[in-house]
């Protein structure tokens, strides 16, 4: 590691405050036998060098290989420090392109296309010459790729006896869907032998967040945990299967949809305990054709949802399912809607979803529907199809 540090021209590597000349000494300090020295170095790297105020700098990509080496070193005094700093880097990366593009768009992809259409029509953007989707900053892309390069190490560490290291590796691996081919066999093997329930849940969520439609050992390994007595593990396994199976069964989809309406659970191992965010990421990132009963499940739950809950996530998924071709053409009437689209508009009106404010009006407007309660009600009633 020391030789590698010397081979980087740190004077030419940019950090938040200029050349990243302090970074190599701080990286060396992570191996200090003094816990206080290690803690101080980690804090400085996290707050002032690898990122600053949520922005990633060039130093993050240059430091990542040394953090991966530290994580791989079983004799290092604190391998979890490497995991925490690698997580800090990838958490602050902003990717505007899918890390694993597919020919068939996911619900998240469809949502991005509707957002692009909305922003392109914005008077503010028109005053500035028109809207163009932002592209990923080269430093952010380099940082993401540098952390992703550690996948072989994360997979090897997934077998470690330290429960916290296994949990950390699962949380890291979930960020790299492009590495799924390498992840799947190791994940299947570890799920067969894992005994810690929190780690098992996190491993199932690797499949849910990074998995691709498949069959075989990894599906069987995740399915085994659907029989767990622990509700967190069962839900995590349901999310894993919802992503892995081309046609998830009704019970699996139902449980995932239920999670969209659940309050945070402190023991949930990702997304700071937010089940709804995880379920939205799992369903929104599914590749290939969408399950035909998913829209009906979302409609059913939105109709029964509590009026004090802000239900943006399920609505956004539902709009992707029912408006897969994007916004309605100009001048469209209710007669131009499909039966499923008409049901969604009726739901929005009955539940007074637009009155919730926040992102709800824009979500509806991105389908080229009227996006105030009054305008949508008038459009729906005045242009009802006859006969």
Protein backbone atom coordinates (compact mmCIF):
# COMPACT_ATOMS: atom_id res chain seq x y z
CA UNK A 1 0.00 0.00 0.00
CA UNK A 2 2.82 2.43 0.84
CA UNK A 3 4.38 1.93 -2.59
CA UNK A 4 1.03 2.54 -4.25
CA UNK A 5 0.57 5.74 -2.27
CA UNK A 6 3.92 6.98 -3.53
CA UNK A 7 2.97 6.28 -7.13
CA UNK A 8 0.06 8.73 -7.01
CA UNK A 9 0.94 12.34 -7.77
CA UNK A 10 -1.11 13.75 -4.91
CA UNK A 11 -0.02 17.31 -5.81
CA UNK A 12 -2.09 17.00 -8.99
CA UNK A 13 -5.11 15.32 -7.36
CA UNK A 14 -7.86 17.78 -6.47
CA UNK A 15 -9.61 17.75 -3.12
CA UNK A 16 -12.19 20.17 -1.71
CA UNK A 17 -9.53 22.71 -0.74
CA UNK A 18 -6.97 22.22 -3.47
CA UNK A 19 -4.26 19.56 -3.96
CA UNK A 20 -4.92 16.44 -1.88
CA UNK A 21 -1.44 16.41 -0.35
CA UNK A 22 -2.70 15.49 3.13
CA UNK A 23 -4.59 12.41 1.96
CA UNK A 24 -1.71 9.89 1.82
CA UNK A 25 -0.68 10.59 5.42
CA UNK A 26 -4.28 10.25 6.55
CA UNK A 27 -4.62 6.94 4.71
CA UNK A 28 -1.45 5.68 6.39
CA UNK A 29 -2.86 6.77 9.75
CA UNK A 30 -5.80 4.40 9.27
CA UNK A 31 -3.31 1.60 10.00
CA UNK A 32 -2.02 3.16 13.19
CA UNK A 33 -2.09 0.95 16.31
CA UNK A 34 -3.48 3.99 18.17
CA UNK A 35 -7.29 4.00 17.98
CA UNK A 36 -7.45 7.77 18.55
CA UNK A 37 -5.10 8.40 15.61
CA UNK A 38 -7.20 6.14 13.38
CA UNK A 39 -10.43 7.84 14.43
CA UNK A 40 -9.01 11.31 13.76
CA UNK A 41 -7.75 10.31 10.32
CA UNK A 42 -11.09 8.73 9.42
CA UNK A 43 -13.00 11.83 10.48
CA UNK A 44 -10.76 14.13 8.46
CA UNK A 45 -11.00 11.95 5.37
CA UNK A 46 -14.76 11.67 5.65
CA UNK A 47 -15.49 15.35 6.29
CA UNK A 48 -12.80 17.25 4.40
CA UNK A 49 -11.09 15.17 1.73
CA UNK A 50 -13.10 12.36 0.12
CA UNK A 51 -16.21 14.52 0.05
CA UNK A 52 -17.29 17.90 1.34
CA UNK A 53 -20.89 18.96 1.89
CA UNK A 54 -22.06 16.00 -0.16
CA UNK A 55 -19.81 16.67 -3.17
CA UNK A 56 -17.26 14.09 -4.32
CA UNK A 57 -13.81 15.20 -5.40
CA UNK A 58 -11.01 13.63 -7.41
CA UNK A 59 -9.30 12.51 -4.23
CA UNK A 60 -12.09 9.99 -3.60
CA UNK A 61 -11.23 7.93 -6.68
CA UNK A 62 -7.52 8.07 -5.87
CA UNK A 63 -8.06 6.98 -2.26
CA UNK A 64 -10.52 4.13 -2.99
CA UNK A 65 -7.88 1.52 -4.01
CA UNK A 66 -6.04 2.02 -0.73
CA UNK A 67 -9.24 1.69 1.26
CA UNK A 68 -10.01 -1.53 -0.60
CA UNK A 69 -6.50 -2.81 0.24
CA UNK A 70 -7.12 -1.96 3.89
CA UNK A 71 -10.42 -3.82 3.85
CA UNK A 72 -8.74 -6.88 2.34
CA UNK A 73 -5.97 -6.93 4.96
CA UNK A 74 -7.08 -9.34 7.71
CA UNK A 75 -4.29 -7.96 9.95
CA UNK A 76 -5.43 -4.33 9.68
CA UNK A 77 -6.49 -2.81 13.02
CA UNK A 78 -9.90 -1.55 11.82
CA UNK A 79 -11.19 -2.86 8.51
CA UNK A 80 -14.62 -1.37 9.20
CA UNK A 81 -13.09 2.11 8.85
CA UNK A 82 -12.34 1.24 5.22
CA UNK A 83 -15.93 0.10 4.73
CA UNK A 84 -17.30 3.29 6.28
CA UNK A 85 -15.17 5.52 4.06
CA UNK A 86 -15.96 3.55 0.90
CA UNK A 87 -19.64 3.86 1.80
CA UNK A 88 -19.21 7.61 2.29
CA UNK A 89 -17.77 7.90 -1.21
CA UNK A 90 -20.47 5.89 -2.97
CA UNK A 91 -23.23 7.59 -0.94
CA UNK A 92 -22.11 10.99 -2.24
CA UNK A 93 -21.74 9.96 -5.88
CA UNK A 94 -24.43 11.31 -8.22
CA UNK A 95 -25.00 9.09 -11.25
CA UNK A 96 -27.35 10.45 -13.91
CA UNK A 97 -27.04 7.37 -16.08
CA UNK A 98 -28.14 3.91 -15.07
CA UNK A 99 -25.26 1.80 -13.72
CA UNK A 100 -26.81 -1.19 -15.47
CA UNK A 101 -28.78 -0.08 -18.59
CA UNK A 102 -31.16 -2.50 -20.28
CA UNK A 103 -33.06 -2.59 -23.54
CA UNK A 104 -36.44 -2.68 -21.77
CA UNK A 105 -36.87 0.39 -19.55
CA UNK A 106 -37.55 -0.03 -15.85
CA UNK A 107 -40.21 1.99 -14.03
CA UNK A 108 -37.42 4.26 -12.81
CA UNK A 109 -36.30 4.79 -16.42
CA UNK A 110 -39.86 5.67 -17.46
CA UNK A 111 -40.10 8.10 -14.55
CA UNK A 112 -36.92 9.83 -15.69
CA UNK A 113 -38.31 10.20 -19.22
CA UNK A 114 -41.50 11.80 -17.88
CA UNK A 115 -39.39 14.13 -15.75
CA UNK A 116 -37.31 15.13 -18.79
CA UNK A 117 -40.49 15.92 -20.72
CA UNK A 118 -41.78 18.06 -17.83
CA UNK A 119 -38.56 20.00 -17.43
CA UNK A 120 -38.25 20.58 -21.18
CA UNK A 121 -41.58 22.42 -21.05
CA UNK A 122 -40.59 24.52 -18.04
CA UNK A 123 -40.59 28.28 -18.77
CA UNK A 124 -37.55 28.62 -16.53
CA UNK A 125 -35.54 26.16 -18.60
CA UNK A 126 -36.79 27.69 -21.85
CA UNK A 127 -35.44 31.06 -20.70
CA UNK A 128 -32.07 29.37 -20.29
CA UNK A 129 -31.98 27.81 -23.73
CA UNK A 130 -33.85 24.58 -23.05
CA UNK A 131 -33.45 21.59 -20.80
CA UNK A 132 -30.79 18.92 -21.16
CA UNK A 133 -30.54 16.06 -18.71
CA UNK A 134 -27.37 16.48 -16.63
CA UNK A 135 -24.52 14.08 -17.20
CA UNK A 136 -22.45 12.49 -14.47
CA UNK A 137 -19.46 14.53 -13.36
CA UNK A 138 -16.23 12.73 -14.36
CA UNK A 139 -14.99 12.78 -10.75
CA UNK A 140 -18.22 11.18 -9.56
CA UNK A 141 -18.04 8.48 -12.22
CA UNK A 142 -14.38 7.80 -11.45
CA UNK A 143 -15.17 7.54 -7.74
CA UNK A 144 -18.05 5.11 -8.33
CA UNK A 145 -15.94 2.95 -10.64
CA UNK A 146 -13.04 2.98 -8.18
CA UNK A 147 -15.27 1.71 -5.37
CA UNK A 148 -16.92 -0.81 -7.71
CA UNK A 149 -13.46 -2.19 -8.53
CA UNK A 150 -13.43 -3.58 -5.00
CA UNK A 151 -16.30 -6.02 -5.66
CA UNK A 152 -13.96 -9.08 -5.61
CA UNK A 153 -12.70 -7.99 -2.18
CA UNK A 154 -16.25 -7.35 -0.92
CA UNK A 155 -17.27 -10.82 -2.08
CA UNK A 156 -14.29 -12.44 -0.34
CA UNK A 157 -15.01 -10.48 2.85
CA UNK A 158 -18.63 -11.61 2.70
CA UNK A 159 -17.36 -14.91 4.11
CA UNK A 160 -15.59 -13.26 7.05
CA UNK A 161 -16.36 -14.42 10.59
CA UNK A 162 -16.98 -10.81 11.65
CA UNK A 163 -20.74 -10.24 11.45
CA UNK A 164 -20.36 -6.46 11.03
CA UNK A 165 -18.01 -6.91 8.08
CA UNK A 166 -20.47 -9.28 6.39
CA UNK A 167 -23.29 -6.79 6.94
CA UNK A 168 -21.17 -3.95 5.55
CA UNK A 169 -20.21 -5.94 2.47
CA UNK A 170 -23.85 -6.73 1.72
CA UNK A 171 -24.73 -3.06 1.93
CA UNK A 172 -21.87 -2.15 -0.42
CA UNK A 173 -22.60 -4.89 -2.96
CA UNK A 174 -26.20 -3.73 -3.31
CA UNK A 175 -24.86 -0.57 -5.03
CA UNK A 176 -23.33 -2.40 -8.01
CA UNK A 177 -25.94 -4.05 -10.26
CA UNK A 178 -23.46 -4.17 -13.15
CA UNK A 179 -21.44 -6.70 -11.14
CA UNK A 180 -24.42 -9.01 -10.60
CA UNK A 181 -22.94 -11.88 -12.62
CA UNK A 182 -20.01 -12.06 -10.19
CA UNK A 183 -22.15 -11.39 -7.13
CA UNK A 184 -24.89 -13.98 -7.71
CA UNK A 185 -22.98 -17.25 -7.06
CA UNK A 186 -21.22 -15.94 -3.95
CA UNK A 187 -24.47 -14.49 -2.65
CA UNK A 188 -26.24 -17.82 -3.12
CA UNK A 189 -23.47 -19.64 -1.26
CA UNK A 190 -23.45 -17.21 1.67
CA UNK A 191 -27.25 -17.23 1.98
CA UNK A 192 -27.12 -21.00 2.41
CA UNK A 193 -24.78 -20.79 5.41
CA UNK A 194 -25.65 -17.40 6.99
CA UNK A 195 -26.90 -17.57 10.59
CA UNK A 196 -27.25 -13.90 11.52
CA UNK A 197 -30.76 -12.67 10.69
CA UNK A 198 -29.82 -9.04 10.01
CA UNK A 199 -27.04 -10.11 7.66
CA UNK A 200 -29.42 -12.56 5.96
CA UNK A 201 -31.91 -9.74 5.38
CA UNK A 202 -29.17 -7.53 3.93
CA UNK A 203 -28.03 -10.35 1.65
CA UNK A 204 -31.57 -10.84 0.34
CA UNK A 205 -31.66 -7.11 -0.37
CA UNK A 206 -28.51 -7.38 -2.48
CA UNK A 207 -30.69 -9.46 -4.80
CA UNK A 208 -33.55 -6.97 -4.45
CA UNK A 209 -31.46 -3.91 -5.27
CA UNK A 210 -28.79 -5.24 -7.64
CA UNK A 211 -30.32 -8.46 -8.99
CA UNK A 212 -31.40 -9.28 -12.52
CA UNK A 213 -34.14 -11.65 -13.68
CA UNK A 214 -32.78 -15.16 -13.36
CA UNK A 215 -33.37 -18.60 -11.93
CA UNK A 216 -31.23 -21.25 -10.29
CA UNK A 217 -29.22 -21.27 -7.04
CA UNK A 218 -29.53 -17.60 -6.07
CA UNK A 219 -33.32 -17.65 -6.41
CA UNK A 220 -33.49 -20.85 -4.38
CA UNK A 221 -31.22 -19.37 -1.71
CA UNK A 222 -33.33 -16.22 -1.34
CA UNK A 223 -36.58 -18.21 -1.40
CA UNK A 224 -35.37 -20.27 1.56
CA UNK A 225 -35.51 -17.14 3.74
CA UNK A 226 -39.17 -16.54 2.86
CA UNK A 227 -39.89 -19.22 5.47
CA UNK A 228 -38.08 -17.35 8.26
CA UNK A 229 -39.92 -16.58 11.49
CA UNK A 230 -38.42 -13.10 11.44
CA UNK A 231 -40.69 -10.56 9.64
CA UNK A 232 -37.76 -8.38 8.55
CA UNK A 233 -36.04 -11.32 6.88
CA UNK A 234 -39.28 -12.45 5.22
CA UNK A 235 -39.84 -8.99 3.77
CA UNK A 236 -36.26 -8.73 2.57
CA UNK A 237 -36.59 -12.13 0.87
CA UNK A 238 -39.82 -11.01 -0.78
CA UNK A 239 -38.02 -7.97 -2.19
CA UNK A 240 -35.18 -10.14 -3.42
CA UNK A 241 -37.58 -12.47 -5.24
CA UNK A 242 -39.58 -9.54 -6.64
CA UNK A 243 -36.41 -8.44 -8.44
CA UNK A 244 -35.07 -11.88 -9.41
CA UNK A 245 -38.15 -13.60 -10.75
CA UNK A 246 -39.42 -12.71 -14.19
CA UNK A 247 -42.98 -13.30 -12.94
CA UNK A 248 -43.09 -12.90 -9.15
CA UNK A 249 -46.03 -14.62 -7.49
CA UNK A 250 -48.95 -12.62 -6.14
CA UNK A 251 -47.99 -13.06 -2.47
CA UNK A 252 -44.45 -11.75 -3.08
CA UNK A 253 -45.68 -8.67 -4.92
CA UNK A 254 -48.36 -8.06 -2.28
CA UNK A 255 -45.77 -8.02 0.49
CA UNK A 256 -43.53 -5.63 -1.45
CA UNK A 257 -46.47 -3.31 -2.07
CA UNK A 258 -47.39 -3.42 1.62
CA UNK A 259 -43.88 -2.20 2.43
CA UNK A 260 -44.51 0.95 0.37
CA UNK A 261 -47.01 2.00 3.02
CA UNK A 262 -45.05 1.00 6.13
CA UNK A 263 -43.40 3.41 8.60
CA UNK A 264 -39.63 3.13 9.13
CA UNK A 265 -38.35 0.06 10.94
CA UNK A 266 -35.13 0.68 12.93
CA UNK A 267 -33.91 -2.86 12.33
CA UNK A 268 -34.25 -2.64 8.53
CA UNK A 269 -30.65 -2.94 7.23
CA UNK A 270 -30.69 -0.36 4.39
CA UNK A 271 -32.10 3.08 3.59
CA UNK A 272 -31.94 4.14 7.25
CA UNK A 273 -34.78 1.82 8.14
CA UNK A 274 -37.13 3.04 5.42
CA UNK A 275 -39.02 0.05 4.04
CA UNK A 276 -40.92 2.23 1.58
CA UNK A 277 -37.75 3.56 -0.06
CA UNK A 278 -36.36 0.05 -0.41
CA UNK A 279 -39.57 -1.35 -1.88
CA UNK A 280 -39.75 1.55 -4.34
CA UNK A 281 -36.13 0.93 -5.40
CA UNK A 282 -36.77 -2.80 -5.82
CA UNK A 283 -39.96 -2.42 -7.88
CA UNK A 284 -38.80 0.67 -9.73
CA UNK A 285 -35.56 -0.99 -10.81
CA UNK A 286 -37.06 -4.25 -12.10
CA UNK A 287 -35.78 -5.14 -15.53
CA UNK A 288 -37.95 -6.53 -18.31
CA UNK A 289 -41.75 -6.71 -18.53
CA UNK A 290 -43.67 -5.66 -15.43
CA UNK A 291 -45.97 -8.09 -13.57
CA UNK A 292 -49.54 -7.59 -14.85
CA UNK A 293 -51.07 -7.54 -11.35
CA UNK A 294 -48.68 -4.95 -9.87
CA UNK A 295 -50.81 -1.96 -10.94
CA UNK A 296 -53.95 -3.50 -9.43
CA UNK A 297 -52.13 -4.12 -6.14
CA UNK A 298 -50.98 -0.50 -6.00
CA UNK A 299 -54.47 0.83 -6.80
CA UNK A 300 -55.99 -1.35 -4.11
CA UNK A 301 -53.57 -0.09 -1.48
CA UNK A 302 -53.77 3.55 -2.51
CA UNK A 303 -57.55 3.40 -2.18
CA UNK A 304 -57.23 2.08 1.37
CA UNK A 305 -54.29 4.22 2.47
CA UNK A 306 -54.56 6.55 5.44
CA UNK A 307 -55.33 10.15 4.43
CA UNK A 308 -52.46 11.47 6.57
CA UNK A 309 -49.81 9.50 4.66
CA UNK A 310 -47.95 11.06 1.75
CA UNK A 311 -48.06 8.33 -0.91
CA UNK A 312 -45.74 9.67 -3.59
CA UNK A 313 -43.69 6.48 -4.05
CA UNK A 314 -46.57 4.12 -4.90
CA UNK A 315 -48.23 6.78 -7.06
CA UNK A 316 -45.02 7.30 -9.02
CA UNK A 317 -44.71 3.56 -9.64
CA UNK A 318 -48.37 3.32 -10.61
CA UNK A 319 -48.06 6.14 -13.14
CA UNK A 320 -45.09 4.37 -14.73
CA UNK A 321 -47.13 1.20 -15.06
CA UNK A 322 -50.23 2.86 -16.50
CA UNK A 323 -48.55 5.50 -18.69
CA UNK A 324 -45.69 3.39 -20.13
CA UNK A 325 -45.69 5.38 -23.38
CA UNK A 326 -45.05 8.63 -21.55
CA UNK A 327 -47.17 11.78 -21.33
CA UNK A 328 -50.52 11.95 -23.10
CA UNK A 329 -50.53 13.75 -26.44
CA UNK A 330 -51.70 17.35 -26.46
CA UNK A 331 -55.46 17.69 -26.56
CA UNK A 332 -56.09 14.18 -25.21
CA UNK A 333 -59.49 13.58 -23.63
CA UNK A 334 -60.76 11.00 -21.18
CA UNK A 335 -61.93 9.00 -24.20
CA UNK A 336 -58.26 8.59 -25.15
CA UNK A 337 -57.38 6.94 -21.86
CA UNK A 338 -57.07 3.22 -21.38
CA UNK A 339 -59.29 1.60 -18.77
CA UNK A 340 -56.33 1.40 -16.39
CA UNK A 341 -55.46 5.07 -16.93
CA UNK A 342 -59.05 6.11 -16.30
CA UNK A 343 -59.06 4.15 -13.06
CA UNK A 344 -55.90 5.94 -11.91
CA UNK A 345 -57.35 9.37 -12.67
CA UNK A 346 -60.49 8.46 -10.74
CA UNK A 347 -58.34 7.29 -7.85
CA UNK A 348 -56.39 10.57 -7.81
CA UNK A 349 -59.65 12.50 -7.65
CA UNK A 350 -61.39 10.26 -5.10
CA UNK A 351 -58.41 10.23 -2.75
CA UNK A 352 -57.69 13.94 -3.26
CA UNK A 353 -54.09 13.02 -3.91
CA UNK A 354 -53.25 16.35 -5.51
CA UNK A 355 -54.24 18.11 -2.30
CA UNK A 356 -51.28 16.46 -0.60
CA UNK A 357 -49.07 18.92 -2.46
CA UNK A 358 -45.32 18.38 -2.51
CA UNK A 359 -44.28 16.28 -5.52
CA UNK A 360 -47.80 14.97 -6.21
CA UNK A 361 -48.91 17.67 -8.70
CA UNK A 362 -45.71 17.32 -10.69
CA UNK A 363 -46.00 13.50 -10.76
CA UNK A 364 -49.47 13.85 -12.28
CA UNK A 365 -48.46 16.72 -14.56
CA UNK A 366 -45.60 14.65 -15.97
CA UNK A 367 -48.26 12.48 -17.60
CA UNK A 368 -49.68 15.60 -19.28
CA UNK A 369 -52.74 15.48 -17.05
CA UNK A 370 -54.16 18.58 -15.36
CA UNK A 371 -52.35 18.78 -12.04
CA UNK A 372 -54.66 20.75 -9.76
CA UNK A 373 -57.72 19.16 -8.21
CA UNK A 374 -60.08 21.63 -9.82
CA UNK A 375 -58.55 21.37 -13.30
CA UNK A 376 -58.36 17.58 -13.23
CA UNK A 377 -61.95 17.24 -12.00
CA UNK A 378 -63.19 19.60 -14.70
CA UNK A 379 -61.23 17.78 -17.40
CA UNK A 380 -62.48 14.40 -16.24
CA UNK A 381 -66.16 15.37 -15.95
CA UNK A 382 -66.41 17.58 -19.05
CA UNK A 383 -64.81 15.10 -21.39
CA UNK A 384 -66.27 11.84 -20.24
CA UNK A 385 -66.75 9.40 -23.14
CA UNK A 386 -70.34 8.96 -24.20
CA UNK A 387 -72.16 5.67 -24.60
